[in-house]
Protein backbone atom coordinates (compact mmCIF):
# COMPACT_ATOMS: atom_id res chain seq x y z
CA MET A 1 -10.25 -1.08 -69.36
CA ASP A 2 -11.47 -2.75 -66.18
CA SER A 3 -10.62 -1.17 -62.85
CA PRO A 4 -7.91 -3.20 -61.11
CA ALA A 5 -9.86 -3.15 -57.83
CA SER A 6 -13.37 -3.62 -59.22
CA ASN A 7 -13.77 -6.79 -57.14
CA LEU A 8 -12.47 -5.31 -53.90
CA MET A 9 -14.04 -6.91 -50.82
CA ILE A 10 -14.47 -4.95 -47.59
CA ILE A 11 -14.71 -6.87 -44.32
CA GLY A 12 -15.82 -4.79 -41.33
CA ILE A 13 -14.87 -5.74 -37.77
CA ALA A 14 -16.64 -3.80 -35.01
CA GLY A 15 -16.96 -4.08 -31.23
CA ALA A 16 -16.23 -2.29 -27.99
CA SER A 17 -12.96 -0.46 -27.38
CA GLY A 18 -10.52 -3.10 -26.11
CA SER A 19 -12.64 -6.00 -27.40
CA GLY A 20 -9.83 -7.35 -29.58
CA LYS A 21 -10.85 -5.98 -32.99
CA SER A 22 -7.35 -4.82 -33.96
CA LEU A 23 -5.76 -8.04 -32.75
CA LEU A 24 -8.27 -10.12 -34.70
CA ALA A 25 -7.82 -8.05 -37.87
CA ASN A 26 -4.03 -7.96 -37.74
CA THR A 27 -3.67 -11.63 -36.78
CA ILE A 28 -5.78 -12.71 -39.74
CA VAL A 29 -3.99 -10.45 -42.21
CA ASN A 30 -0.50 -11.32 -40.93
CA GLU A 31 -1.22 -15.05 -41.05
CA LEU A 32 -2.64 -14.78 -44.56
CA GLY A 33 0.62 -13.18 -45.63
CA SER A 34 -0.82 -11.59 -48.76
CA ASP A 35 0.06 -8.09 -49.92
CA LYS A 36 -3.38 -7.96 -51.50
CA VAL A 37 -4.99 -7.66 -48.05
CA VAL A 38 -4.76 -4.51 -45.93
CA VAL A 39 -6.08 -3.38 -42.54
CA ILE A 40 -7.60 0.09 -42.18
CA SER A 41 -8.55 1.40 -38.73
CA GLU A 42 -11.49 3.69 -38.08
CA ASP A 43 -9.25 5.40 -35.50
CA SER A 44 -7.28 6.95 -38.36
CA TYR A 45 -10.35 8.99 -39.24
CA TYR A 46 -10.81 10.90 -36.00
CA LYS A 47 -11.60 14.49 -36.94
CA ASN A 48 -8.69 16.89 -36.73
CA ARG A 49 -9.37 19.29 -33.85
CA SER A 50 -6.01 21.06 -33.91
CA HIS A 51 -7.77 24.43 -33.62
CA LEU A 52 -8.64 23.54 -30.02
CA SER A 53 -6.25 23.61 -27.08
CA LEU A 54 -4.84 20.31 -25.81
CA GLU A 55 -6.99 20.67 -22.69
CA GLU A 56 -10.12 21.18 -24.79
CA ARG A 57 -9.24 18.26 -27.08
CA ALA A 58 -8.75 15.97 -24.07
CA LYS A 59 -12.33 16.66 -22.95
CA LEU A 60 -13.99 15.70 -26.25
CA ASN A 61 -16.18 12.61 -26.59
CA TYR A 62 -14.13 10.28 -28.78
CA ASP A 63 -16.67 7.45 -28.62
CA HIS A 64 -19.52 9.32 -30.33
CA PRO A 65 -20.12 8.90 -34.10
CA ASP A 66 -19.55 12.64 -34.57
CA ALA A 67 -15.92 12.22 -33.46
CA PHE A 68 -15.10 10.50 -36.74
CA ASP A 69 -14.84 11.77 -40.30
CA HIS A 70 -16.91 8.91 -41.70
CA THR A 71 -17.55 10.93 -44.84
CA LEU A 72 -13.84 10.80 -45.70
CA LEU A 73 -13.66 7.11 -44.79
CA CYS A 74 -16.57 6.29 -47.12
CA GLU A 75 -15.04 8.40 -49.86
CA GLN A 76 -11.68 6.65 -49.61
CA LEU A 77 -13.25 3.19 -49.53
CA ARG A 78 -15.15 4.05 -52.70
CA GLN A 79 -11.90 5.23 -54.26
CA LEU A 80 -10.26 1.89 -53.45
CA LYS A 81 -13.26 0.07 -54.93
CA ALA A 82 -12.82 2.19 -58.05
CA GLY A 83 -9.18 1.13 -58.34
CA GLN A 84 -7.61 4.31 -56.99
CA ALA A 85 -4.86 4.65 -54.38
CA ILE A 86 -5.62 6.52 -51.16
CA ASP A 87 -3.75 8.37 -48.42
CA VAL A 88 -5.12 7.35 -45.03
CA PRO A 89 -4.71 9.95 -42.26
CA ILE A 90 -2.43 9.15 -39.32
CA TYR A 91 -3.82 10.14 -35.94
CA ASP A 92 -1.67 11.11 -32.94
CA PHE A 93 -3.41 9.86 -29.80
CA VAL A 94 -1.07 11.73 -27.47
CA SER A 95 -1.87 15.19 -28.89
CA HIS A 96 -5.38 14.26 -30.16
CA THR A 97 -4.57 15.65 -33.62
CA ARG A 98 -3.83 14.33 -37.09
CA SER A 99 -0.21 13.92 -38.04
CA GLN A 100 1.23 15.70 -41.05
CA LYS A 101 2.11 12.26 -42.42
CA VAL A 102 -0.27 9.89 -44.21
CA ARG A 103 -0.34 6.16 -44.92
CA HIS A 104 -0.38 5.43 -48.64
CA ILE A 105 -2.42 2.42 -49.73
CA THR A 106 -1.95 1.26 -53.29
CA ARG A 107 -4.81 0.48 -55.61
CA ASP A 108 -3.99 -3.20 -56.09
CA LYS A 109 -5.77 -4.54 -53.00
CA SER A 110 -8.25 -7.41 -53.11
CA ILE A 111 -9.52 -7.29 -49.51
CA VAL A 112 -9.75 -4.43 -47.02
CA VAL A 113 -10.20 -5.39 -43.37
CA LEU A 114 -11.81 -2.37 -41.72
CA GLU A 115 -11.85 -2.27 -37.92
CA GLY A 116 -13.38 0.20 -35.49
CA ILE A 117 -15.88 0.75 -32.70
CA LEU A 118 -18.65 2.53 -34.63
CA LEU A 119 -18.45 1.04 -38.11
CA PHE A 120 -21.91 -0.54 -38.02
CA VAL A 121 -23.63 2.61 -36.71
CA GLU A 122 -23.31 4.44 -40.04
CA ALA A 123 -25.64 3.13 -42.78
CA GLU A 124 -23.37 4.36 -45.59
CA LEU A 125 -20.42 2.47 -44.14
CA ARG A 126 -22.48 -0.70 -43.70
CA LYS A 127 -23.49 -0.57 -47.36
CA LEU A 128 -19.83 -0.64 -48.42
CA MET A 129 -19.05 -3.78 -46.42
CA ASP A 130 -19.37 -7.25 -47.90
CA ILE A 131 -19.00 -9.05 -44.55
CA ARG A 132 -19.66 -7.61 -41.08
CA ILE A 133 -18.06 -9.19 -38.00
CA TYR A 134 -18.79 -8.17 -34.42
CA VAL A 135 -16.27 -8.99 -31.67
CA ASP A 136 -18.30 -9.67 -28.54
CA THR A 137 -16.11 -9.37 -25.44
CA ALA A 138 -17.15 -8.87 -21.81
CA LEU A 139 -16.96 -5.18 -20.87
CA ASP A 140 -14.70 -5.74 -17.86
CA ILE A 141 -12.14 -7.54 -20.03
CA ALA A 142 -12.37 -4.82 -22.70
CA PHE A 143 -11.87 -2.10 -20.09
CA ILE A 144 -8.74 -3.76 -18.65
CA ARG A 145 -7.28 -4.03 -22.15
CA ARG A 146 -8.12 -0.40 -22.92
CA LEU A 147 -6.61 0.79 -19.64
CA SER A 148 -3.35 -1.06 -20.30
CA ARG A 149 -3.17 0.12 -23.93
CA ASP A 150 -3.89 3.78 -23.24
CA VAL A 151 -1.38 4.03 -20.39
CA LEU A 152 1.43 2.10 -22.09
CA GLU A 153 0.95 3.14 -25.72
CA ARG A 154 -0.89 6.46 -25.72
CA GLY A 155 0.73 8.35 -22.85
CA ARG A 156 -2.42 8.54 -20.72
CA SER A 157 -2.69 8.51 -16.94
CA MET A 158 -4.70 5.77 -15.27
CA GLU A 159 -7.01 8.37 -13.71
CA SER A 160 -7.82 9.99 -17.07
CA VAL A 161 -8.57 6.62 -18.69
CA ILE A 162 -10.92 5.63 -15.86
CA GLU A 163 -12.70 9.01 -15.94
CA GLN A 164 -13.13 8.82 -19.73
CA TYR A 165 -14.46 5.28 -19.46
CA GLU A 166 -17.08 6.29 -16.92
CA THR A 167 -18.18 9.50 -18.66
CA THR A 168 -18.15 8.58 -22.35
CA VAL A 169 -16.77 5.13 -23.25
CA ARG A 170 -19.28 2.97 -21.39
CA PRO A 171 -22.34 5.21 -22.06
CA MET A 172 -21.52 5.37 -25.78
CA PHE A 173 -21.05 1.60 -25.90
CA ILE A 174 -24.52 1.12 -24.42
CA LYS A 175 -26.10 3.75 -26.70
CA TYR A 176 -24.37 3.05 -30.03
CA ILE A 177 -21.95 0.14 -30.20
CA ASP A 178 -23.83 -2.68 -28.50
CA PRO A 179 -27.08 -2.05 -30.45
CA SER A 180 -25.11 -2.03 -33.73
CA LYS A 181 -24.20 -5.70 -33.38
CA ARG A 182 -27.59 -6.56 -34.84
CA PHE A 183 -26.12 -5.63 -38.22
CA ALA A 184 -23.33 -8.25 -37.95
CA ASP A 185 -23.18 -11.32 -40.16
CA ILE A 186 -20.81 -13.09 -37.75
CA MET A 187 -20.43 -12.81 -33.97
CA VAL A 188 -16.98 -13.59 -32.52
CA PRO A 189 -16.86 -14.13 -28.75
CA HIS A 190 -13.69 -13.81 -26.65
CA GLY A 191 -11.94 -11.27 -28.90
CA GLY A 192 -8.85 -11.52 -31.06
CA LYS A 193 -7.51 -14.75 -29.57
CA ASN A 194 -10.47 -16.88 -30.65
CA ARG A 195 -8.51 -19.41 -32.66
CA ILE A 196 -11.51 -21.12 -34.22
CA ALA A 197 -12.94 -17.79 -35.41
CA ILE A 198 -9.56 -16.71 -36.79
CA ASP A 199 -9.18 -19.93 -38.79
CA MET A 200 -12.74 -19.74 -40.13
CA ILE A 201 -12.37 -16.12 -41.23
CA LYS A 202 -8.97 -16.85 -42.77
CA ALA A 203 -10.45 -19.76 -44.72
CA LYS A 204 -13.19 -17.52 -46.10
CA MET A 205 -10.67 -14.82 -47.04
CA LYS A 206 -8.46 -17.38 -48.79
CA GLU A 207 -11.50 -18.50 -50.73
CA LEU A 208 -12.22 -14.91 -51.72
CA LEU A 209 -8.61 -14.38 -52.77
CA ASN A 210 -8.25 -17.63 -54.70
CA VAL A 211 -11.69 -18.20 -56.18
CA HIS A 212 -13.98 -15.18 -56.27
CA LEU A 213 -11.47 -12.47 -57.10
CA LYS A 214 -9.79 -12.10 -60.44
CA PRO A 215 -5.98 -11.98 -60.40
CA ILE A 216 -4.60 -8.44 -60.43
CA HIS A 217 -1.91 -7.80 -63.02
């Protein structure tokens, strides 16, 4: 019996923090309106450091590849490709720990849109992706977006966001994220509001859903 997800496509969207990756991914998926397409965020796979104090956790470098459990991410993507359901971790950005809850993703997906800052850095992750998209946004714009998001949505102070940006976010972007764009198949300037890019990617995904992928029963 064939695996129900044997034709699963994985589309990776990478770029700087605040570049518009999540907006691009969610806009495309929401406008497609198909329950066969799902977004998975690399942020869900931050390593659980609950054994450390909150003060110690706050000082960690969350923009380095070692901050993520990419092994688990690869394993779960392979499980989806094999037609198995997965339970994606849920990360609490306020406490810097994993929640006790998980996000269940059923096995009947046709396309996974994977978004995150360091997706193209890991060779094993790149191998699992069928299409790689890099969101290329000016660093000052990305920083303003990150500052607003972290203060309003993640309970951070402005001072802590600025300090983190200067000590780890920008250096890690220069060292890891920016060089990884050479692995992209498509470059998207201006972030998640690039209407032409959104429509082109949606058209390709519709083609994948309607032509290249077998119906799932």
